[in-house]
Protein backbone atom coordinates (compact mmCIF):
# COMPACT_ATOMS: atom_id res chain seq x y z
CA SER A 1 42.34 28.27 95.09
CA SER A 2 44.44 25.57 96.61
CA GLN A 3 45.96 23.16 94.13
CA VAL A 4 47.03 19.75 95.41
CA ALA A 5 50.20 18.41 93.81
CA ARG A 6 50.12 15.14 91.95
CA CYS A 7 51.27 11.97 93.63
CA PHE A 8 54.97 11.53 92.92
CA ALA A 9 55.54 8.61 95.24
CA CYS A 10 57.54 6.63 92.71
CA CYS A 11 59.72 9.59 91.73
CA PRO A 12 60.32 12.10 94.52
CA LEU A 13 63.03 13.92 92.59
CA SER A 14 60.46 14.91 89.99
CA ARG A 15 58.84 17.06 92.68
CA LEU A 16 61.95 19.22 92.71
CA LEU A 17 60.76 20.58 89.38
CA LEU A 18 57.02 20.47 89.83
CA LEU A 19 56.55 22.21 93.12
CA ALA A 20 57.82 25.61 94.15
CA PRO A 21 59.61 29.29 94.19
CA PRO A 22 62.97 32.24 95.56
CA SER A 23 66.19 33.13 97.53
CA VAL A 24 67.38 33.10 101.13
CA ALA A 25 70.83 31.75 101.89
CA MET A 26 70.87 28.30 103.45
CA GLY A 27 72.75 27.96 106.69
CA GLY A 28 73.25 25.42 109.45
CA SER A 29 73.35 21.69 109.19
CA ALA A 30 71.08 19.35 107.28
CA SER A 31 69.44 18.28 110.54
CA GLN A 32 68.70 21.90 111.40
CA ALA A 33 67.06 22.37 108.00
CA GLU A 34 65.02 19.20 108.56
CA ASP A 35 63.75 20.40 111.94
CA GLY A 36 63.23 23.89 110.49
CA ASP A 37 60.05 25.91 110.58
CA GLN A 38 57.51 23.39 111.73
CA GLY A 39 59.20 23.22 115.13
CA GLU A 40 58.44 26.01 117.54
CA GLU A 41 55.31 27.43 115.95
CA SER A 42 53.43 24.14 115.67
CA ARG A 43 54.61 22.78 119.02
CA PHE A 44 53.89 25.86 121.08
CA GLY A 45 51.44 27.84 118.95
CA PHE A 46 48.47 26.69 121.03
CA MET A 47 50.00 28.42 124.07
CA PHE A 48 50.00 31.77 122.27
CA GLY A 49 46.59 31.63 120.66
CA SER A 50 47.45 30.44 117.16
CA LYS A 51 45.43 27.60 115.73
CA PRO A 52 47.08 24.18 115.57
CA LYS A 53 48.43 23.14 112.19
CA SER A 54 46.56 20.55 110.19
CA ALA A 55 48.13 17.24 109.20
CA SER A 56 48.46 18.48 105.62
CA GLU A 57 50.22 21.68 106.72
CA ILE A 58 52.69 19.67 108.79
CA ARG A 59 53.20 17.27 105.86
CA ASP A 60 53.90 20.20 103.49
CA GLU A 61 56.40 21.67 105.93
CA ARG A 62 58.06 18.30 106.39
CA TYR A 63 58.42 17.95 102.60
CA CYS A 64 59.96 21.43 102.35
CA ASN A 65 62.32 20.78 105.26
CA TYR A 66 63.53 17.53 103.66
CA LEU A 67 64.08 19.37 100.38
CA CYS A 68 66.10 22.03 102.21
CA SER A 69 68.13 19.28 103.86
CA LEU A 70 68.81 17.72 100.47
CA ASN A 71 69.88 21.15 99.22
CA LYS A 72 72.34 21.50 102.12
CA VAL A 73 73.81 18.02 101.49
CA LEU A 74 74.31 18.78 97.79
CA GLN A 75 75.83 22.18 98.57
CA ASP A 76 78.26 20.56 101.01
CA TRP A 77 79.15 17.94 98.40
CA LYS A 78 79.83 20.62 95.78
CA LYS A 79 82.06 22.47 98.27
CA GLU A 80 83.82 19.15 99.00
CA VAL A 81 82.80 19.27 102.65
CA LEU A 82 81.29 15.82 102.10
CA LYS A 83 82.91 13.02 100.12
CA ASN A 84 80.96 11.33 97.34
CA GLN A 85 79.77 8.28 99.26
CA GLU A 86 78.85 10.22 102.39
CA ALA A 87 76.94 12.81 100.36
CA LEU A 88 75.12 10.06 98.45
CA MET A 89 74.14 8.33 101.68
CA HIS A 90 72.61 11.56 103.04
CA ALA A 91 71.05 12.59 99.71
CA ASP A 92 69.42 9.19 99.26
CA TYR A 93 68.12 9.36 102.84
CA TYR A 94 66.40 12.70 102.19
CA MET A 95 65.10 11.49 98.83
CA GLU A 96 63.53 8.52 100.61
CA LYS A 97 62.01 10.84 103.22
CA ILE A 98 60.61 13.10 100.48
CA GLN A 99 59.07 10.03 98.86
CA GLU A 100 57.50 8.97 102.17
CA VAL A 101 55.75 12.34 102.54
CA GLY A 102 53.41 11.60 99.62
CA ARG A 103 51.03 14.28 98.38
CA VAL A 104 51.53 17.94 99.25
CA ASP A 105 49.65 21.17 98.58
CA ALA A 106 51.56 22.73 95.68
CA GLU A 107 50.75 26.36 96.49
CA ARG A 108 51.60 26.03 100.18
CA ALA A 109 54.82 24.17 99.35
CA ARG A 110 55.76 26.91 96.85
CA ASP A 111 55.24 29.57 99.51
CA ILE A 112 57.26 27.69 102.13
CA LEU A 113 60.09 26.94 99.71
CA ALA A 114 60.13 30.53 98.47
CA LYS A 115 60.76 31.67 102.04
CA LYS A 116 63.61 29.17 102.23
CA GLY A 117 65.19 30.34 98.97
CA ILE A 118 64.25 27.43 96.73
CA ASP A 119 62.52 28.28 93.47
CA ASP A 120 61.89 26.34 90.24
CA GLU A 121 65.36 27.13 88.92
CA LYS A 122 66.99 25.98 92.16
CA ARG A 123 65.04 22.71 92.08
CA LEU A 124 66.23 22.07 88.53
CA GLU A 125 69.76 22.71 89.77
CA LEU A 126 69.19 20.27 92.66
CA GLN A 127 67.95 17.62 90.24
CA LYS A 128 71.04 18.00 88.05
CA CYS A 129 73.34 18.02 91.06
CA TYR A 130 71.74 14.84 92.42
CA GLN A 131 72.22 13.20 89.03
CA GLU A 132 75.89 14.28 89.05
CA LEU A 133 76.33 12.79 92.52
CA LYS A 134 74.79 9.48 91.46
CA LYS A 135 77.11 9.39 88.44
CA ALA A 136 80.16 10.28 90.54
CA CYS A 137 79.35 7.32 92.80
CA GLY A 138 79.00 4.95 89.85
CA GLN A 139 75.26 4.53 90.31
CA ARG A 140 72.51 4.54 87.70
CA VAL A 141 71.59 8.15 86.96
CA PRO A 142 67.82 8.80 86.98
CA GLN A 143 66.58 10.25 83.67
CA PHE A 144 63.72 12.76 83.57
CA ASP A 145 61.49 14.25 80.88
CA ASP A 146 60.66 17.97 80.54
CA GLN A 147 58.04 17.62 83.30
CA GLY A 148 60.56 16.16 85.76
CA MET A 149 59.07 12.67 85.50
CA HIS A 150 61.14 9.51 85.10
CA LYS A 151 61.11 8.94 81.34
CA THR A 152 60.15 5.30 81.83
CA ASP A 153 57.44 6.13 84.39
CA ALA A 154 55.82 9.21 82.84
CA HIS A 155 53.03 7.30 81.04
CA TRP A 156 52.33 5.09 84.06
CA MET A 157 52.23 8.08 86.43
CA LYS A 158 49.67 9.93 84.29
CA GLN A 159 47.35 6.95 84.41
CA ALA A 160 47.96 6.12 88.07
CA CYS A 161 47.60 9.38 89.92
CA CYS A 162 47.19 12.40 87.70
């Protein structure tokens, strides 16, 4: 059965923990990861007999592609390919884009992310890395509970959308 993920609009980073699974090496640029899988198949699938993707499928793929882009930015920052401020600018951009996506289908997102090499452990690593980046740039570091929710927002989120 399909399980729809909770609304994490106020805390997109919490979704890094609460969505998905495994391991394929990331390659290419952040923009390539963003454009990723939804591209050719959804644009030209109708020409080859496959059914068009629903809005929710496209939304799930967009979420996963943004998460992969965030992963690439944080990897590049760790490898010192990107300087702190540049990495933060890109990471914050993708975090904002993830937030804009809204609700996603948890199972479908897990499957997509698994194919892209991002599992629960990797998302926890991304969360910690993002926190390190924020700290390195002298910005307030978001704090999360065991469920990946902002500690100050966890009660509000349960009442609002869960």
